[in-house]
């Protein structure tokens, strides 16, 4: 009889050990399942953040492309304006040169006639002198108008160039501010998810 009792005791110990091992395995399985779920959730979060960052990157690239196109347009406009002003100035300068040359020829011709008519009557001499004076006054007036026109066109050219440069500077500052603000917002969003932008 005593040997039978010892056998029963051994059987109970074996069952308890198996039950303990089973509980431990089940606990490990539960922890592993929980860890896998947490890892999946973390991975999904990282993918979502990565998609958002990629979307922001595409948006910034699109905005940069638009700004570059606008800048190219401004540059082309500036070139066209400069070319047009230069063409107009050269055309006016040429016309003015021709006109002055014609007037100089005319004055020279009148002076030659005046020299030939010095022996004529005093009245005729005075009339000729008045004509020369009028021509000189016309030349001076035209020269004054030419000088004023040159000054006006030079002022217009400088004002136009200053305006273009100012608009380019304002566009650049606005783009830098918007880009800085967007980067700062993206960093804050990543920080809200506990992510470091340098790690992505």
Protein backbone atom coordinates (compact mmCIF):
# COMPACT_ATOMS: atom_id res chain seq x y z
CA UNK A 1 0.00 0.00 0.00
CA UNK A 2 2.66 2.62 0.87
CA UNK A 3 4.34 2.28 -2.53
CA UNK A 4 0.97 3.01 -4.22
CA UNK A 5 0.58 6.20 -2.22
CA UNK A 6 3.98 7.44 -3.37
CA UNK A 7 3.03 6.75 -6.92
CA UNK A 8 -0.09 8.86 -6.62
CA UNK A 9 1.92 11.72 -5.13
CA UNK A 10 4.29 11.66 -8.06
CA UNK A 11 1.37 11.77 -10.47
CA UNK A 12 -0.07 14.87 -8.83
CA UNK A 13 3.28 16.66 -8.95
CA UNK A 14 3.62 15.90 -12.65
CA UNK A 15 0.17 17.29 -13.38
CA UNK A 16 0.91 20.48 -11.42
CA UNK A 17 4.16 20.97 -13.30
CA UNK A 18 2.45 20.53 -16.66
CA UNK A 19 -0.28 22.99 -15.67
CA UNK A 20 2.33 25.55 -14.56
CA UNK A 21 4.24 25.16 -17.81
CA UNK A 22 1.04 25.58 -19.81
CA UNK A 23 0.12 28.76 -17.98
CA UNK A 24 3.58 30.17 -18.54
CA UNK A 25 3.41 29.39 -22.26
CA UNK A 26 -0.03 30.95 -22.50
CA UNK A 27 1.22 34.06 -20.72
CA UNK A 28 4.19 34.30 -23.05
CA UNK A 29 1.86 33.89 -26.03
CA UNK A 30 -0.39 36.69 -24.77
CA UNK A 31 2.60 39.00 -24.24
CA UNK A 32 3.93 38.15 -27.70
CA UNK A 33 0.52 38.83 -29.27
CA UNK A 34 0.31 42.16 -27.44
CA UNK A 35 3.84 43.09 -28.56
CA UNK A 36 3.00 42.23 -32.16
CA UNK A 37 -0.16 44.38 -32.00
CA UNK A 38 1.79 47.30 -30.54
CA UNK A 39 4.48 46.94 -33.21
CA UNK A 40 1.84 46.83 -35.97
CA UNK A 41 0.19 49.96 -34.60
CA UNK A 42 3.55 51.74 -34.36
CA UNK A 43 4.41 50.67 -37.91
CA UNK A 44 1.06 51.94 -39.20
CA UNK A 45 1.66 55.26 -37.43
CA UNK A 46 5.11 55.60 -38.97
CA UNK A 47 3.67 54.85 -42.41
CA UNK A 48 1.00 57.52 -41.93
CA UNK A 49 3.60 60.07 -40.85
CA UNK A 50 5.79 59.11 -43.80
CA UNK A 51 2.84 59.60 -46.19
CA UNK A 52 2.12 63.01 -44.68
CA UNK A 53 5.78 64.02 -44.97
CA UNK A 54 5.83 62.86 -48.58
CA UNK A 55 2.67 64.83 -49.33
CA UNK A 56 4.23 67.96 -47.78
CA UNK A 57 7.37 67.39 -49.83
CA UNK A 58 5.34 67.17 -53.06
CA UNK A 59 3.47 70.33 -52.10
CA UNK A 60 6.71 72.21 -51.46
CA UNK A 61 8.16 71.01 -54.76
CA UNK A 62 5.04 72.15 -56.60
CA UNK A 63 5.15 75.56 -54.90
CA UNK A 64 8.85 75.90 -55.71
CA UNK A 65 8.17 75.07 -59.36
CA UNK A 66 5.44 77.74 -59.50
CA UNK A 67 7.73 80.33 -57.91
CA UNK A 68 10.53 79.46 -60.33
CA UNK A 69 8.12 79.91 -63.25
CA UNK A 70 7.00 83.27 -61.86
CA UNK A 71 10.63 84.32 -61.40
CA UNK A 72 11.44 83.31 -64.98
CA UNK A 73 8.43 85.30 -66.14
CA UNK A 74 9.59 88.36 -64.21
CA UNK A 75 13.05 88.02 -65.71
CA UNK A 76 11.63 87.75 -69.22
CA UNK A 77 9.43 90.80 -68.60
CA UNK A 78 12.47 92.70 -67.37
CA UNK A 79 14.44 91.73 -70.47
CA UNK A 80 11.55 92.74 -72.74
CA UNK A 81 11.16 96.09 -70.99
CA UNK A 82 14.89 96.79 -71.15
CA UNK A 83 15.02 95.83 -74.82
CA UNK A 84 11.99 97.99 -75.64
CA UNK A 85 13.32 101.00 -73.73
CA UNK A 86 16.74 100.61 -75.34
CA UNK A 87 15.18 100.38 -78.78
CA UNK A 88 13.04 103.46 -78.18
CA UNK A 89 15.99 105.40 -76.79
CA UNK A 90 18.21 104.49 -79.75
CA UNK A 91 15.45 105.35 -82.22
CA UNK A 92 14.85 108.72 -80.56
CA UNK A 93 18.58 109.38 -80.36
CA UNK A 94 18.93 108.61 -84.06
CA UNK A 95 15.98 110.81 -85.01
CA UNK A 96 17.31 113.60 -82.82
CA UNK A 97 20.77 113.28 -84.35
CA UNK A 98 19.34 113.50 -87.84
CA UNK A 99 17.23 116.49 -86.89
CA UNK A 100 20.15 118.30 -85.27
CA UNK A 101 22.34 117.55 -88.27
CA UNK A 102 19.68 118.94 -90.57
CA UNK A 103 19.37 122.06 -88.47
CA UNK A 104 23.13 122.48 -88.40
CA UNK A 105 23.23 122.25 -92.17
CA UNK A 106 20.42 124.73 -92.43
CA UNK A 107 22.14 127.15 -90.06
CA UNK A 108 25.38 126.82 -92.00
CA UNK A 109 23.57 127.53 -95.23
CA UNK A 110 21.83 130.58 -93.78
CA UNK A 111 25.09 131.92 -92.42
CA UNK A 112 26.68 131.57 -95.82
CA UNK A 113 23.81 133.48 -97.35
CA UNK A 114 24.16 136.08 -94.64
CA UNK A 115 27.83 136.49 -95.47
CA UNK A 116 27.01 136.98 -99.12
CA UNK A 117 24.25 139.49 -98.34
CA UNK A 118 26.26 141.70 -95.96
CA UNK A 119 26.52 144.33 -98.65
CA UNK A 120 22.75 144.55 -98.98
CA UNK A 121 20.58 147.11 -97.31
CA UNK A 122 20.70 147.47 -93.52
CA UNK A 123 17.06 146.46 -93.27
CA UNK A 124 17.69 143.26 -95.15
CA UNK A 125 20.75 142.62 -92.99
CA UNK A 126 18.67 143.04 -89.83
CA UNK A 127 15.97 140.74 -91.20
CA UNK A 128 18.52 138.06 -91.94
CA UNK A 129 19.99 138.44 -88.50
CA UNK A 130 16.57 137.99 -86.93
CA UNK A 131 16.07 134.81 -88.96
CA UNK A 132 19.36 133.42 -87.71
CA UNK A 133 18.47 134.26 -84.14
CA UNK A 134 15.15 132.51 -84.52
CA UNK A 135 16.88 129.43 -85.87
CA UNK A 136 19.33 129.47 -82.99
CA UNK A 137 16.46 129.77 -80.54
CA UNK A 138 14.75 126.82 -82.24
CA UNK A 139 17.93 124.77 -81.97
CA UNK A 140 18.30 125.65 -78.28
CA UNK A 141 14.65 124.80 -77.65
CA UNK A 142 14.97 121.47 -79.43
CA UNK A 143 18.17 120.70 -77.58
CA UNK A 144 16.41 121.48 -74.30
CA UNK A 145 13.55 119.18 -75.25
CA UNK A 146 16.03 116.47 -76.20
CA UNK A 147 17.81 116.82 -72.87
CA UNK A 148 14.50 116.65 -70.99
CA UNK A 149 13.39 113.59 -72.94
CA UNK A 150 16.68 111.83 -72.26
CA UNK A 151 16.32 112.60 -68.55
CA UNK A 152 12.71 111.36 -68.52
CA UNK A 153 13.56 108.10 -70.27
CA UNK A 154 16.50 107.52 -67.94
CA UNK A 155 14.24 108.11 -64.93
CA UNK A 156 11.58 105.75 -66.34
CA UNK A 157 14.21 103.07 -66.91
CA UNK A 158 15.56 103.35 -63.36
CA UNK A 159 12.05 103.39 -61.84
CA UNK A 160 11.06 100.30 -63.83
CA UNK A 161 14.20 98.42 -62.84
CA UNK A 162 13.78 99.41 -59.17
CA UNK A 163 10.16 98.25 -59.24
CA UNK A 164 11.09 94.90 -60.76
CA UNK A 165 13.87 94.36 -58.23
CA UNK A 166 11.52 95.26 -55.40
CA UNK A 167 8.89 92.81 -56.61
CA UNK A 168 11.50 90.06 -56.96
CA UNK A 169 12.76 90.73 -53.42
CA UNK A 170 9.20 90.66 -52.02
CA UNK A 171 8.46 87.36 -53.80
CA UNK A 172 11.65 85.84 -52.43
CA UNK A 173 10.92 86.99 -48.86
CA UNK A 174 7.35 85.72 -49.06
CA UNK A 175 8.53 82.32 -50.34
CA UNK A 176 11.18 82.08 -47.58
CA UNK A 177 8.60 82.94 -44.89
CA UNK A 178 6.10 80.42 -46.22
CA UNK A 179 8.75 77.72 -46.54
CA UNK A 180 10.03 78.36 -42.99
CA UNK A 181 6.52 78.28 -41.55
CA UNK A 182 5.71 75.05 -43.40
CA UNK A 183 8.89 73.36 -42.17
CA UNK A 184 8.15 74.49 -38.62
CA UNK A 185 4.58 73.13 -38.80
CA UNK A 186 5.85 69.80 -40.12
CA UNK A 187 8.37 69.55 -37.31
CA UNK A 188 5.62 70.28 -34.76
CA UNK A 189 3.38 67.61 -36.28
CA UNK A 190 6.18 65.07 -36.18
CA UNK A 191 6.95 66.09 -32.61
CA UNK A 192 3.29 65.52 -31.71
CA UNK A 193 3.71 61.92 -32.82
CA UNK A 194 6.92 61.63 -30.85
CA UNK A 195 9.09 61.49 -33.97
CA UNK A 196 12.33 63.21 -34.72
CA UNK A 197 12.44 64.65 -38.30
CA UNK A 198 16.12 63.69 -38.55
CA UNK A 199 15.25 60.00 -37.95
CA UNK A 200 12.87 59.84 -40.93
